[in-house]
Amino acid sequence: MGYLPNAAFRRPRGWVMAMTWEDLLFAHWRVPVDLLRALLPKGLELDLYRGEAWLSVVPFRMSHVHGRFLPSLPGLSGFPETNVRTYVTRKGAMPGVYFFSLDAANFVAVRAARRFFHLPYFDAEMSVRGEEDGFRYSTRRTHAGAAAGELSVSYAPVGPIYRSTQGTVEDWLTARYCLYAADAEGGIHRCDIHHQPWRLQAARADIRVNTLGEWLGFPLDGETPLLQFAKKTVVAAWMPQRLE
């Protein structure tokens, strides 16, 4: 399927939720393969790019979140979110993402995602403020019983819009159309998503605080991360399926 503007987006059949992701910063760090692999649940394999493992922090804003045949509801359909993710496969097929955490400033969304999608969502105090050429973003995890985590960053796009080339690390990190999650019994679930190919830009970021990887054993304060920005994409999601 070729690229279509978001206004012309057409969702394949069977989707149950739609949403828009806005003003995303992708910040990617190379991390030790063996340390990261040991953190995955049984049944998932770490996906590597030319032998290297990656851990990413992605702050953005959710908007127009709604179920199929339902409208967006004020106060529930838009909120900031930050995820910490890596890249996995299941039996060598269908590359996707695995989330270690998803912080969100929406009490209802956090509980719904934990209950129905088996995702590690956490309550957080968050703010997003537009600046002259970008965004000032902060989050502090407040979820009862969860490990501490905080991010404070200013970021902005710094280059023209482009489509990543297949085979590049930029494409490998972002062209992912499913997510994997583990339930409380250790079962693996896959949730498929659909959106048009990313329209990316190079980005700059001033990361003042980032402790989101510390509880995993990754301080993420050494090597300068690979950075990308995306303005917006419309997304459709299906219900997760338990895999045998």
C-alpha atoms as a PDB file:
ATOM      1  CA  MET A   1       0.000   0.000   0.000  1.00  0.00           C
ATOM      2  CA  GLY A   2       1.429   3.373  -0.991  1.00  0.00           C
ATOM      3  CA  TYR A   3       1.452   6.393   1.259  1.00  0.00           C
ATOM      4  CA  LEU A   4      -1.820   8.271   1.711  1.00  0.00           C
ATOM      5  CA  PRO A   5      -2.266  11.485   3.682  1.00  0.00           C
ATOM      6  CA  ASN A   6      -3.832  10.918   7.091  1.00  0.00           C
ATOM      7  CA  ALA A   7      -6.997  12.635   5.900  1.00  0.00           C
ATOM      8  CA  ALA A   8      -7.449   9.806   3.384  1.00  0.00           C
ATOM      9  CA  PHE A   9      -6.586   7.045   5.814  1.00  0.00           C
ATOM     10  CA  ARG A  10      -8.617   3.854   5.384  1.00  0.00           C
ATOM     11  CA  ARG A  11      -8.609   1.223   8.114  1.00  0.00           C
ATOM     12  CA  PRO A  12      -8.694  -2.477   7.195  1.00  0.00           C
ATOM     13  CA  ARG A  13     -11.609  -4.499   8.553  1.00  0.00           C
ATOM     14  CA  GLY A  14     -11.777  -5.732  12.104  1.00  0.00           C
ATOM     15  CA  TRP A  15     -10.188  -2.851  13.971  1.00  0.00           C
ATOM     16  CA  VAL A  16     -11.586  -2.056  17.421  1.00  0.00           C
ATOM     17  CA  MET A  17      -9.798   1.159  18.366  1.00  0.00           C
ATOM     18  CA  ALA A  18      -8.568   4.236  16.548  1.00  0.00           C
ATOM     19  CA  MET A  19      -6.274   6.987  17.738  1.00  0.00           C
ATOM     20  CA  THR A  20      -3.877   9.657  16.556  1.00  0.00           C
ATOM     21  CA  TRP A  21      -0.248   9.858  17.680  1.00  0.00           C
ATOM     22  CA  GLU A  22       1.147  13.395  17.612  1.00  0.00           C
ATOM     23  CA  ASP A  23       4.480  15.182  18.086  1.00  0.00           C
ATOM     24  CA  LEU A  24       6.548  12.065  18.682  1.00  0.00           C
ATOM     25  CA  LEU A  25      10.199  12.014  19.621  1.00  0.00           C
ATOM     26  CA  PHE A  26      11.942   8.696  18.972  1.00  0.00           C
ATOM     27  CA  ALA A  27      15.103   8.442  21.077  1.00  0.00           C
ATOM     28  CA  HIS A  28      17.017   5.191  20.505  1.00  0.00           C
ATOM     29  CA  TRP A  29      20.004   3.794  22.429  1.00  0.00           C
ATOM     30  CA  ARG A  30      22.187   0.776  21.675  1.00  0.00           C
ATOM     31  CA  VAL A  31      22.333  -1.481  24.740  1.00  0.00           C
ATOM     32  CA  PRO A  32      24.093  -4.790  25.576  1.00  0.00           C
ATOM     33  CA  VAL A  33      22.370  -7.707  23.877  1.00  0.00           C
ATOM     34  CA  ASP A  34      22.632 -10.217  26.714  1.00  0.00           C
ATOM     35  CA  LEU A  35      21.382  -7.801  29.371  1.00  0.00           C
ATOM     36  CA  LEU A  36      18.359  -6.833  27.302  1.00  0.00           C
ATOM     37  CA  ARG A  37      17.552 -10.387  26.223  1.00  0.00           C
ATOM     38  CA  ALA A  38      17.420 -11.500  29.867  1.00  0.00           C
ATOM     39  CA  LEU A  39      14.553  -9.053  30.514  1.00  0.00           C
ATOM     40  CA  LEU A  40      12.186 -10.499  27.909  1.00  0.00           C
ATOM     41  CA  PRO A  41       9.374 -12.880  28.824  1.00  0.00           C
ATOM     42  CA  LYS A  42       9.651 -16.477  27.720  1.00  0.00           C
ATOM     43  CA  GLY A  43       8.296 -16.890  24.210  1.00  0.00           C
ATOM     44  CA  LEU A  44       9.740 -13.704  22.705  1.00  0.00           C
ATOM     45  CA  GLU A  45      13.069 -13.363  20.926  1.00  0.00           C
ATOM     46  CA  LEU A  46      15.123 -10.193  20.851  1.00  0.00           C
ATOM     47  CA  ASP A  47      15.243  -8.674  17.383  1.00  0.00           C
ATOM     48  CA  LEU A  48      18.669  -7.312  16.429  1.00  0.00           C
ATOM     49  CA  TYR A  49      19.830  -4.887  13.774  1.00  0.00           C
ATOM     50  CA  ARG A  50      23.177  -6.055  12.433  1.00  0.00           C
ATOM     51  CA  GLY A  51      23.838  -7.775  15.728  1.00  0.00           C
ATOM     52  CA  GLU A  52      22.936  -4.786  17.907  1.00  0.00           C
ATOM     53  CA  ALA A  53      20.087  -4.409  20.399  1.00  0.00           C
ATOM     54  CA  TRP A  54      18.168  -1.183  20.867  1.00  0.00           C
ATOM     55  CA  LEU A  55      16.093   0.363  23.643  1.00  0.00           C
ATOM     56  CA  SER A  56      13.901   3.362  22.823  1.00  0.00           C
ATOM     57  CA  VAL A  57      12.123   6.102  24.766  1.00  0.00           C
ATOM     58  CA  VAL A  58       9.183   7.668  22.922  1.00  0.00           C
ATOM     59  CA  PRO A  59       7.308  10.678  24.358  1.00  0.00           C
ATOM     60  CA  PHE A  60       4.254  11.870  22.410  1.00  0.00           C
ATOM     61  CA  ARG A  61       0.610  12.895  22.657  1.00  0.00           C
ATOM     62  CA  MET A  62      -2.422  10.677  22.093  1.00  0.00           C
ATOM     63  CA  SER A  63      -5.541  12.277  20.631  1.00  0.00           C
ATOM     64  CA  HIS A  64      -8.901  11.213  19.189  1.00  0.00           C
ATOM     65  CA  VAL A  65      -8.786   7.889  21.013  1.00  0.00           C
ATOM     66  CA  HIS A  66     -12.065   6.017  20.553  1.00  0.00           C
ATOM     67  CA  GLY A  67     -13.583   2.616  20.082  1.00  0.00           C
ATOM     68  CA  ARG A  68     -15.173   1.547  16.836  1.00  0.00           C
ATOM     69  CA  PHE A  69     -18.637   3.113  16.380  1.00  0.00           C
ATOM     70  CA  LEU A  70     -17.968   5.350  19.400  1.00  0.00           C
ATOM     71  CA  PRO A  71     -17.055   9.048  19.491  1.00  0.00           C
ATOM     72  CA  SER A  72     -14.019  10.560  21.140  1.00  0.00           C
ATOM     73  CA  LEU A  73     -14.945  11.597  24.674  1.00  0.00           C
ATOM     74  CA  PRO A  74     -13.664  14.841  26.213  1.00  0.00           C
ATOM     75  CA  GLY A  75     -11.209  14.181  29.006  1.00  0.00           C
ATOM     76  CA  LEU A  76     -10.614  10.576  27.934  1.00  0.00           C
ATOM     77  CA  SER A  77      -9.544  10.730  24.297  1.00  0.00           C
ATOM     78  CA  GLY A  78      -6.396  12.851  24.577  1.00  0.00           C
ATOM     79  CA  PHE A  79      -3.409  12.665  26.909  1.00  0.00           C
ATOM     80  CA  PRO A  80       0.414  12.556  26.943  1.00  0.00           C
ATOM     81  CA  GLU A  81       2.124   9.186  26.883  1.00  0.00           C
ATOM     82  CA  THR A  82       5.727   7.990  27.099  1.00  0.00           C
ATOM     83  CA  ASN A  83       6.817   4.472  26.327  1.00  0.00           C
ATOM     84  CA  VAL A  84      10.028   2.513  26.817  1.00  0.00           C
ATOM     85  CA  ARG A  85      10.306  -0.270  24.287  1.00  0.00           C
ATOM     86  CA  THR A  86      12.544  -2.745  22.556  1.00  0.00           C
ATOM     87  CA  TYR A  87      12.264  -4.838  19.401  1.00  0.00           C
ATOM     88  CA  VAL A  88      11.251  -8.469  19.312  1.00  0.00           C
ATOM     89  CA  THR A  89       9.995 -11.327  17.186  1.00  0.00           C
ATOM     90  CA  ARG A  90       7.929 -14.411  17.908  1.00  0.00           C
ATOM     91  CA  LYS A  91       9.400 -17.610  16.468  1.00  0.00           C
ATOM     92  CA  GLY A  92      11.384 -15.518  14.015  1.00  0.00           C
ATOM     93  CA  ALA A  93       8.315 -13.965  12.377  1.00  0.00           C
ATOM     94  CA  MET A  94       6.254 -10.767  12.532  1.00  0.00           C
ATOM     95  CA  PRO A  95       8.740  -8.285  14.023  1.00  0.00           C
ATOM     96  CA  GLY A  96       7.137  -6.004  16.593  1.00  0.00           C
ATOM     97  CA  VAL A  97       7.736  -4.036  19.760  1.00  0.00           C
ATOM     98  CA  TYR A  98       7.745  -5.047  23.400  1.00  0.00           C
ATOM     99  CA  PHE A  99       6.997  -2.389  26.009  1.00  0.00           C
ATOM    100  CA  PHE A 100       8.725  -2.311  29.374  1.00  0.00           C
ATOM    101  CA  SER A 101       6.593   0.645  30.436  1.00  0.00           C
ATOM    102  CA  LEU A 102       3.965   3.036  29.138  1.00  0.00           C
ATOM    103  CA  ASP A 103       3.358   6.091  31.303  1.00  0.00           C
ATOM    104  CA  ALA A 104       0.147   8.016  30.709  1.00  0.00           C
ATOM    105  CA  ALA A 105      -1.713  10.905  32.280  1.00  0.00           C
ATOM    106  CA  ASN A 106      -5.115   9.247  32.044  1.00  0.00           C
ATOM    107  CA  PHE A 107      -6.475   7.127  34.904  1.00  0.00           C
ATOM    108  CA  VAL A 108      -9.082   5.316  32.803  1.00  0.00           C
ATOM    109  CA  ALA A 109      -6.772   4.592  29.859  1.00  0.00           C
ATOM    110  CA  VAL A 110      -4.108   3.142  32.153  1.00  0.00           C
ATOM    111  CA  ARG A 111      -6.526   0.664  33.702  1.00  0.00           C
ATOM    112  CA  ALA A 112      -8.225  -0.269  30.436  1.00  0.00           C
ATOM    113  CA  ALA A 113      -4.887  -0.958  28.726  1.00  0.00           C
ATOM    114  CA  ARG A 114      -3.655  -3.050  31.655  1.00  0.00           C
ATOM    115  CA  ARG A 115      -6.887  -5.046  31.764  1.00  0.00           C
ATOM    116  CA  PHE A 116      -7.666  -5.642  28.102  1.00  0.00           C
ATOM    117  CA  PHE A 117      -4.283  -5.322  26.345  1.00  0.00           C
ATOM    118  CA  HIS A 118      -1.993  -6.767  29.073  1.00  0.00           C
ATOM    119  CA  LEU A 119       0.293  -3.752  28.743  1.00  0.00           C
ATOM    120  CA  PRO A 120       2.443  -2.303  31.570  1.00  0.00           C
ATOM    121  CA  TYR A 121       0.754   1.088  31.706  1.00  0.00           C
ATOM    122  CA  PHE A 122       1.475   3.324  34.691  1.00  0.00           C
ATOM    123  CA  ASP A 123      -0.037   6.504  36.096  1.00  0.00           C
ATOM    124  CA  ALA A 124       2.147   9.572  35.715  1.00  0.00           C
ATOM    125  CA  GLU A 125       2.128  13.324  36.169  1.00  0.00           C
ATOM    126  CA  MET A 126       2.879  14.750  32.747  1.00  0.00           C
ATOM    127  CA  SER A 127       3.003  18.041  30.886  1.00  0.00           C
ATOM    128  CA  VAL A 128       3.590  19.044  27.275  1.00  0.00           C
ATOM    129  CA  ARG A 129       4.148  22.648  26.311  1.00  0.00           C
ATOM    130  CA  GLY A 130       4.764  24.054  22.850  1.00  0.00           C
ATOM    131  CA  GLU A 131       7.905  26.132  22.442  1.00  0.00           C
ATOM    132  CA  GLU A 132       8.992  28.390  19.600  1.00  0.00           C
ATOM    133  CA  ASP A 133      10.150  25.541  17.390  1.00  0.00           C
ATOM    134  CA  GLY A 134       9.312  22.410  19.345  1.00  0.00           C
ATOM    135  CA  PHE A 135       8.069  20.982  22.623  1.00  0.00           C
ATOM    136  CA  ARG A 136       8.965  20.886  26.306  1.00  0.00           C
ATOM    137  CA  TYR A 137       7.887  17.561  27.754  1.00  0.00           C
ATOM    138  CA  SER A 138       8.047  16.118  31.257  1.00  0.00           C
ATOM    139  CA  THR A 139       6.751  13.014  32.998  1.00  0.00           C
ATOM    140  CA  ARG A 140       7.108  11.559  36.492  1.00  0.00           C
ATOM    141  CA  ARG A 141       5.687   8.126  37.298  1.00  0.00           C
ATOM    142  CA  THR A 142       3.243   8.123  40.228  1.00  0.00           C
ATOM    143  CA  HIS A 143       1.750   4.636  39.925  1.00  0.00           C
ATOM    144  CA  ALA A 144       1.457   2.865  43.278  1.00  0.00           C
ATOM    145  CA  GLY A 145       4.048   0.118  43.643  1.00  0.00           C
ATOM    146  CA  ALA A 146       5.824   0.891  40.358  1.00  0.00           C
ATOM    147  CA  ALA A 147       9.518   1.645  39.952  1.00  0.00           C
ATOM    148  CA  ALA A 148      10.375   5.324  39.799  1.00  0.00           C
ATOM    149  CA  GLY A 149      10.804   6.905  36.392  1.00  0.00           C
ATOM    150  CA  GLU A 150      11.170  10.454  35.142  1.00  0.00           C
ATOM    151  CA  LEU A 151      11.835  12.256  31.877  1.00  0.00           C
ATOM    152  CA  SER A 152      12.378  15.948  31.178  1.00  0.00           C
ATOM    153  CA  VAL A 153      13.234  16.874  27.598  1.00  0.00           C
ATOM    154  CA  SER A 154      12.902  19.655  25.037  1.00  0.00           C
ATOM    155  CA  TYR A 155      12.841  18.514  21.426  1.00  0.00           C
ATOM    156  CA  ALA A 156      12.156  19.773  17.925  1.00  0.00           C
ATOM    157  CA  PRO A 157      12.409  18.666  14.292  1.00  0.00           C
ATOM    158  CA  VAL A 158      15.467  20.016  12.473  1.00  0.00           C
ATOM    159  CA  GLY A 159      15.182  18.747   8.933  1.00  0.00           C
ATOM    160  CA  PRO A 160      12.850  18.075   6.023  1.00  0.00           C
ATOM    161  CA  ILE A 161      10.222  15.347   6.101  1.00  0.00           C
ATOM    162  CA  TYR A 162      11.376  12.055   4.632  1.00  0.00           C
ATOM    163  CA  ARG A 163      10.365   8.430   4.313  1.00  0.00           C
ATOM    164  CA  SER A 164      12.929   6.028   5.713  1.00  0.00           C
ATOM    165  CA  THR A 165      14.550   3.606   3.288  1.00  0.00           C
ATOM    166  CA  GLN A 166      13.897  -0.088   3.788  1.00  0.00           C
ATOM    167  CA  GLY A 167      16.925  -1.761   5.334  1.00  0.00           C
ATOM    168  CA  THR A 168      18.138   1.300   7.233  1.00  0.00           C
ATOM    169  CA  VAL A 169      18.187   1.378  11.017  1.00  0.00           C
ATOM    170  CA  GLU A 170      15.660   4.244  10.982  1.00  0.00           C
ATOM    171  CA  ASP A 171      13.184   2.073   9.096  1.00  0.00           C
ATOM    172  CA  TRP A 172      13.941  -0.998  11.235  1.00  0.00           C
ATOM    173  CA  LEU A 173      13.230   0.938  14.437  1.00  0.00           C
ATOM    174  CA  THR A 174       9.946   2.501  13.333  1.00  0.00           C
ATOM    175  CA  ALA A 175       8.284   0.245  10.732  1.00  0.00           C
ATOM    176  CA  ARG A 176       6.658  -2.019  13.317  1.00  0.00           C
ATOM    177  CA  TYR A 177       3.033  -3.031  12.944  1.00  0.00           C
ATOM    178  CA  CYS A 178       2.351  -5.155  15.994  1.00  0.00           C
ATOM    179  CA  LEU A 179       3.110  -5.190  19.687  1.00  0.00           C
ATOM    180  CA  TYR A 180       3.662  -8.123  22.010  1.00  0.00           C
ATOM    181  CA  ALA A 181       2.697  -8.374  25.667  1.00  0.00           C
ATOM    182  CA  ALA A 182       2.762 -11.011  28.393  1.00  0.00           C
ATOM    183  CA  ASP A 183      -0.175 -11.659  30.722  1.00  0.00           C
ATOM    184  CA  ALA A 184       0.038 -12.507  34.424  1.00  0.00           C
ATOM    185  CA  GLU A 185       0.237 -16.243  33.638  1.00  0.00           C
ATOM    186  CA  GLY A 186       3.082 -15.792  31.167  1.00  0.00           C
ATOM    187  CA  GLY A 187       0.950 -16.104  28.040  1.00  0.00           C
ATOM    188  CA  ILE A 188       2.099 -14.075  25.039  1.00  0.00           C
ATOM    189  CA  HIS A 189      -0.377 -11.845  23.216  1.00  0.00           C
ATOM    190  CA  ARG A 190      -0.003  -9.994  19.921  1.00  0.00           C
ATOM    191  CA  CYS A 191      -1.891  -6.832  19.012  1.00  0.00           C
ATOM    192  CA  ASP A 192      -1.774  -5.748  15.385  1.00  0.00           C
ATOM    193  CA  ILE A 193      -1.842  -2.081  14.418  1.00  0.00           C
ATOM    194  CA  HIS A 194      -2.114  -0.256  11.125  1.00  0.00           C
ATOM    195  CA  HIS A 195      -0.978   3.178   9.990  1.00  0.00           C
ATOM    196  CA  GLN A 196       0.565   4.769   6.958  1.00  0.00           C
ATOM    197  CA  PRO A 197       4.380   4.759   6.680  1.00  0.00           C
ATOM    198  CA  TRP A 198       6.031   7.233   9.024  1.00  0.00           C
ATOM    199  CA  ARG A 199       6.847  10.721   7.770  1.00  0.00           C
ATOM    200  CA  LEU A 200      10.016  11.306   9.771  1.00  0.00           C
ATOM    201  CA  GLN A 201      12.318  14.241  10.393  1.00  0.00           C
ATOM    202  CA  ALA A 202      15.727  14.489  11.974  1.00  0.00           C
ATOM    203  CA  ALA A 203      15.426  15.858  15.491  1.00  0.00           C
ATOM    204  CA  ARG A 204      17.385  17.541  18.254  1.00  0.00           C
ATOM    205  CA  ALA A 205      16.739  16.960  21.947  1.00  0.00           C
ATOM    206  CA  ASP A 206      17.951  18.450  25.206  1.00  0.00           C
ATOM    207  CA  ILE A 207      17.449  15.627  27.709  1.00  0.00           C
ATOM    208  CA  ARG A 208      17.741  17.118  31.196  1.00  0.00           C
ATOM    209  CA  VAL A 209      16.466  14.096  33.152  1.00  0.00           C
ATOM    210  CA  ASN A 210      15.942  10.518  32.010  1.00  0.00           C
ATOM    211  CA  THR A 211      15.621   7.771  34.609  1.00  0.00           C
ATOM    212  CA  LEU A 212      13.091   5.660  32.701  1.00  0.00           C
ATOM    213  CA  GLY A 213      15.607   2.896  31.998  1.00  0.00           C
ATOM    214  CA  GLU A 214      17.268   2.738  35.400  1.00  0.00           C
ATOM    215  CA  TRP A 215      14.969   0.110  36.896  1.00  0.00           C
ATOM    216  CA  LEU A 216      15.866  -2.121  33.946  1.00  0.00           C
ATOM    217  CA  GLY A 217      19.586  -1.629  34.502  1.00  0.00           C
ATOM    218  CA  PHE A 218      20.117   0.854  31.656  1.00  0.00           C
ATOM    219  CA  PRO A 219      20.946   4.438  32.717  1.00  0.00           C
ATOM    220  CA  LEU A 220      20.634   5.769  29.124  1.00  0.00           C
ATOM    221  CA  ASP A 221      22.982   8.639  29.923  1.00  0.00           C
ATOM    222  CA  GLY A 222      26.066   7.713  27.941  1.00  0.00           C
ATOM    223  CA  GLU A 223      25.969   7.492  24.160  1.00  0.00           C
ATOM    224  CA  THR A 224      24.029  10.204  22.341  1.00  0.00           C
ATOM    225  CA  PRO A 225      20.791   8.597  21.118  1.00  0.00           C
ATOM    226  CA  LEU A 226      19.624   8.344  17.546  1.00  0.00           C
ATOM    227  CA  LEU A 227      16.771  10.866  17.266  1.00  0.00           C
ATOM    228  CA  GLN A 228      13.755  11.151  14.974  1.00  0.00           C
ATOM    229  CA  PHE A 229      10.609  13.271  15.036  1.00  0.00           C
ATOM    230  CA  ALA A 230       7.171  12.536  13.584  1.00  0.00           C
ATOM    231  CA  LYS A 231       4.377  15.096  13.534  1.00  0.00           C
ATOM    232  CA  LYS A 232       1.324  12.872  13.319  1.00  0.00           C
ATOM    233  CA  THR A 233      -0.099   9.550  12.225  1.00  0.00           C
ATOM    234  CA  VAL A 234      -3.570   8.001  12.449  1.00  0.00           C
ATOM    235  CA  VAL A 235      -3.590   4.479  13.887  1.00  0.00           C
ATOM    236  CA  ALA A 236      -6.032   1.571  13.984  1.00  0.00           C
ATOM    237  CA  ALA A 237      -5.639  -1.289  16.458  1.00  0.00           C
ATOM    238  CA  TRP A 238      -7.115  -4.767  16.802  1.00  0.00           C
ATOM    239  CA  MET A 239      -7.838  -6.725  19.972  1.00  0.00           C
ATOM    240  CA  PRO A 240      -4.833  -8.725  21.200  1.00  0.00           C
ATOM    241  CA  GLN A 241      -4.715 -12.414  20.354  1.00  0.00           C
ATOM    242  CA  ARG A 242      -3.213 -14.991  22.702  1.00  0.00           C
ATOM    243  CA  LEU A 243      -0.535 -16.969  20.906  1.00  0.00           C
ATOM    244  CA  GLU A 244       0.028 -20.683  21.358  1.00  0.00           C
END
